[in-house]
Amino acid sequence: MTTPHVVVVMGVAGTGKTTIGPLLAARLGVPYAEGDDFHPPANIAKMSAGVPLDDADRWPWLDAIGAWAHGRAGLGGVVSCSALKRSYRDRLRAAAPGVVFVHLTGDRALIEGRMSHRQGHFMPTALLDSQFATLQPLEPGEAGVAVDVGGGPEEIAERAVEALDELPQPAE
């Protein structure tokens, strides 16, 4: 029997982390956690006002996600988290060493179009430029895969499952 991965679905705002994450978790048969739920209220207020978070804002959020991922080690799970910088992913890996990343990638125009149509989300499209400026894609040696967000959610989730199948299995 294989041990399921603990997966962080990452990417800039609007790539579909909150849509793809639960679909991926269902396909893998593991629980899903919404990364935005780990933000303290001050972070939500800041982003709602169109102010990008700084690293000091992100550390407690990343630590909370890392603690959740650590608790899922050996059990599997999927959590959404932008994880835009290598240092953020390093912090998550420090808490949960076996975590792997699914980086949702796509054309800026496609992502902005999707963001402009979503309802009730605190992240305004005005912050998309800062997200792309901050983004450091997965580097060689980082456990993870890049998955294009073109197509429908089911298709994207299926590509993610197929890509994860190519990664080494976590230790049991």
Protein backbone atom coordinates (compact mmCIF):
# COMPACT_ATOMS: atom_id res chain seq x y z
CA MET A 1 0.00 0.00 0.00
CA THR A 2 1.28 3.46 -0.83
CA THR A 3 1.20 6.38 1.53
CA PRO A 4 -0.63 9.39 0.09
CA HIS A 5 1.24 12.64 -0.40
CA VAL A 6 0.57 15.77 1.58
CA VAL A 7 0.08 18.24 -1.28
CA VAL A 8 0.20 22.03 -1.27
CA VAL A 9 -1.68 23.45 -4.26
CA MET A 10 0.19 26.67 -4.96
CA GLY A 11 0.14 29.56 -7.40
CA VAL A 12 -0.85 33.17 -7.81
CA ALA A 13 -4.36 34.35 -6.96
CA GLY A 14 -6.93 33.28 -9.52
CA THR A 15 -5.23 30.07 -10.68
CA GLY A 16 -7.97 27.98 -9.09
CA LYS A 17 -6.34 26.68 -5.91
CA THR A 18 -9.69 26.67 -4.07
CA THR A 19 -11.41 24.91 -6.97
CA ILE A 20 -8.70 22.40 -7.88
CA GLY A 21 -7.65 21.61 -4.30
CA PRO A 22 -10.90 19.89 -3.27
CA LEU A 23 -11.14 18.05 -6.61
CA LEU A 24 -7.58 16.81 -6.20
CA ALA A 25 -8.22 15.78 -2.59
CA ALA A 26 -11.33 13.83 -3.65
CA ARG A 27 -9.39 12.02 -6.37
CA LEU A 28 -6.63 11.16 -3.91
CA GLY A 29 -9.11 10.16 -1.18
CA VAL A 30 -7.66 12.57 1.39
CA PRO A 31 -8.99 15.64 3.25
CA TYR A 32 -8.76 19.17 1.89
CA ALA A 33 -7.95 22.32 3.87
CA GLU A 34 -8.55 25.82 2.48
CA GLY A 35 -5.38 27.84 2.96
CA ASP A 36 -7.27 31.12 3.24
CA ASP A 37 -8.90 29.78 6.42
CA PHE A 38 -5.48 29.83 8.12
CA HIS A 39 -5.08 33.61 7.63
CA PRO A 40 -5.51 35.75 10.73
CA PRO A 41 -8.23 38.43 10.41
CA ALA A 42 -5.61 41.18 10.06
CA ASN A 43 -4.29 39.57 6.87
CA ILE A 44 -7.79 39.32 5.37
CA ALA A 45 -8.44 42.97 6.19
CA LYS A 46 -5.15 44.04 4.64
CA MET A 47 -5.74 42.12 1.39
CA SER A 48 -9.37 43.26 1.23
CA ALA A 49 -8.06 46.83 1.32
CA GLY A 50 -5.81 46.05 -1.65
CA VAL A 51 -2.61 46.03 0.41
CA PRO A 52 -0.21 43.16 -0.34
CA LEU A 53 0.97 41.10 2.61
CA ASP A 54 4.60 41.30 3.65
CA ASP A 55 6.66 38.41 4.97
CA ALA A 56 5.94 39.29 8.60
CA ASP A 57 2.22 38.92 7.81
CA ARG A 58 2.78 35.57 6.12
CA TRP A 59 4.93 33.75 8.71
CA PRO A 60 2.10 32.89 11.18
CA TRP A 61 -0.12 31.86 8.24
CA LEU A 62 2.57 29.61 6.78
CA ASP A 63 3.30 28.14 10.22
CA ALA A 64 -0.37 27.25 10.67
CA ILE A 65 -0.51 25.58 7.25
CA GLY A 66 2.77 23.79 7.99
CA ALA A 67 1.38 22.47 11.27
CA TRP A 68 -1.70 21.14 9.46
CA ALA A 69 0.51 19.49 6.80
CA HIS A 70 2.75 17.99 9.49
CA GLY A 71 -0.31 16.49 11.17
CA ARG A 72 -1.29 14.83 7.88
CA ALA A 73 2.15 13.19 7.33
CA GLY A 74 1.65 9.52 6.52
CA LEU A 75 -2.07 10.11 6.06
CA GLY A 76 -2.13 12.44 3.07
CA GLY A 77 -3.98 15.68 2.53
CA VAL A 78 -4.32 18.64 0.23
CA VAL A 79 -4.10 22.27 1.28
CA SER A 80 -4.18 25.41 -0.82
CA CYS A 81 -1.49 28.03 -0.22
CA SER A 82 -0.04 30.55 -2.66
CA ALA A 83 3.52 29.60 -1.55
CA LEU A 84 4.86 32.11 -4.07
CA LYS A 85 8.44 32.35 -2.77
CA ARG A 86 10.99 29.62 -2.28
CA SER A 87 11.44 30.83 1.31
CA TYR A 88 7.72 30.23 1.96
CA ARG A 89 7.94 26.71 0.56
CA ASP A 90 11.10 26.11 2.62
CA ARG A 91 9.19 27.17 5.74
CA LEU A 92 6.36 24.74 4.90
CA ARG A 93 8.90 21.94 4.26
CA ALA A 94 10.61 22.71 7.59
CA ALA A 95 7.30 22.00 9.34
CA ALA A 96 6.27 19.11 7.06
CA PRO A 97 9.36 17.68 5.32
CA GLY A 98 7.48 15.32 3.00
CA VAL A 99 5.15 17.94 1.52
CA VAL A 100 4.95 18.18 -2.28
CA PHE A 101 3.72 21.10 -4.37
CA VAL A 102 1.31 21.31 -7.28
CA HIS A 103 2.07 24.67 -8.89
CA LEU A 104 -0.95 25.85 -10.88
CA THR A 105 0.43 27.91 -13.75
CA GLY A 106 -1.18 29.89 -16.52
CA ASP A 107 -1.28 32.90 -18.76
CA ARG A 108 -1.79 36.18 -16.89
CA ALA A 109 -4.73 37.22 -19.10
CA LEU A 110 -6.55 33.94 -18.42
CA ILE A 111 -5.99 34.25 -14.68
CA GLU A 112 -7.10 37.89 -14.57
CA GLY A 113 -10.23 36.99 -16.51
CA ARG A 114 -11.09 34.27 -14.02
CA MET A 115 -10.43 36.58 -11.08
CA SER A 116 -12.71 39.25 -12.49
CA HIS A 117 -15.63 36.78 -12.60
CA ARG A 118 -15.40 35.33 -9.12
CA GLN A 119 -17.75 36.55 -6.44
CA GLY A 120 -17.14 37.38 -2.79
CA HIS A 121 -13.38 36.83 -2.66
CA PHE A 122 -11.21 39.24 -0.68
CA MET A 123 -8.30 39.29 -3.18
CA PRO A 124 -8.82 42.07 -5.74
CA THR A 125 -7.46 41.75 -9.27
CA ALA A 126 -5.34 44.84 -8.56
CA LEU A 127 -3.01 42.64 -6.50
CA LEU A 128 -2.37 40.20 -9.37
CA ASP A 129 0.68 42.15 -10.57
CA SER A 130 2.25 41.95 -7.11
CA GLN A 131 1.54 38.21 -7.06
CA PHE A 132 3.33 37.65 -10.38
CA ALA A 133 6.20 39.92 -9.28
CA THR A 134 6.62 37.85 -6.10
CA LEU A 135 6.27 34.42 -7.76
CA GLN A 136 9.34 32.21 -7.72
CA PRO A 137 8.39 29.04 -9.63
CA LEU A 138 9.41 25.64 -8.30
CA GLU A 139 13.14 25.12 -8.63
CA PRO A 140 15.08 21.94 -9.38
CA GLY A 141 15.27 19.88 -6.23
CA GLU A 142 11.89 21.03 -4.92
CA ALA A 143 9.40 18.17 -4.71
CA GLY A 144 6.53 19.17 -6.92
CA VAL A 145 5.00 19.54 -10.33
CA ALA A 146 3.72 22.40 -12.49
CA VAL A 147 0.22 22.00 -13.92
CA ASP A 148 -1.25 24.33 -16.53
CA VAL A 149 -4.66 25.81 -15.63
CA GLY A 150 -5.98 25.80 -19.18
CA GLY A 151 -9.23 23.87 -19.54
CA GLY A 152 -11.91 22.95 -17.04
CA PRO A 153 -11.44 22.12 -13.36
CA GLU A 154 -11.87 18.35 -13.80
CA GLU A 155 -9.28 18.32 -16.58
CA ILE A 156 -6.81 20.34 -14.47
CA ALA A 157 -7.33 18.05 -11.46
CA GLU A 158 -6.74 15.01 -13.64
CA ARG A 159 -3.48 16.48 -14.97
CA ALA A 160 -2.42 17.13 -11.36
CA VAL A 161 -3.14 13.52 -10.34
CA GLU A 162 -1.19 12.21 -13.33
CA ALA A 163 1.75 14.51 -12.57
CA LEU A 164 1.77 13.50 -8.88
CA ASP A 165 1.81 9.84 -9.91
CA GLU A 166 5.21 10.52 -11.49
CA LEU A 167 6.72 11.70 -8.18
CA PRO A 168 8.44 9.29 -5.79
CA GLN A 169 6.07 7.95 -3.13
CA PRO A 170 6.49 9.33 0.38
CA ALA A 171 8.08 7.05 2.97
CA GLU A 172 5.56 4.94 4.86
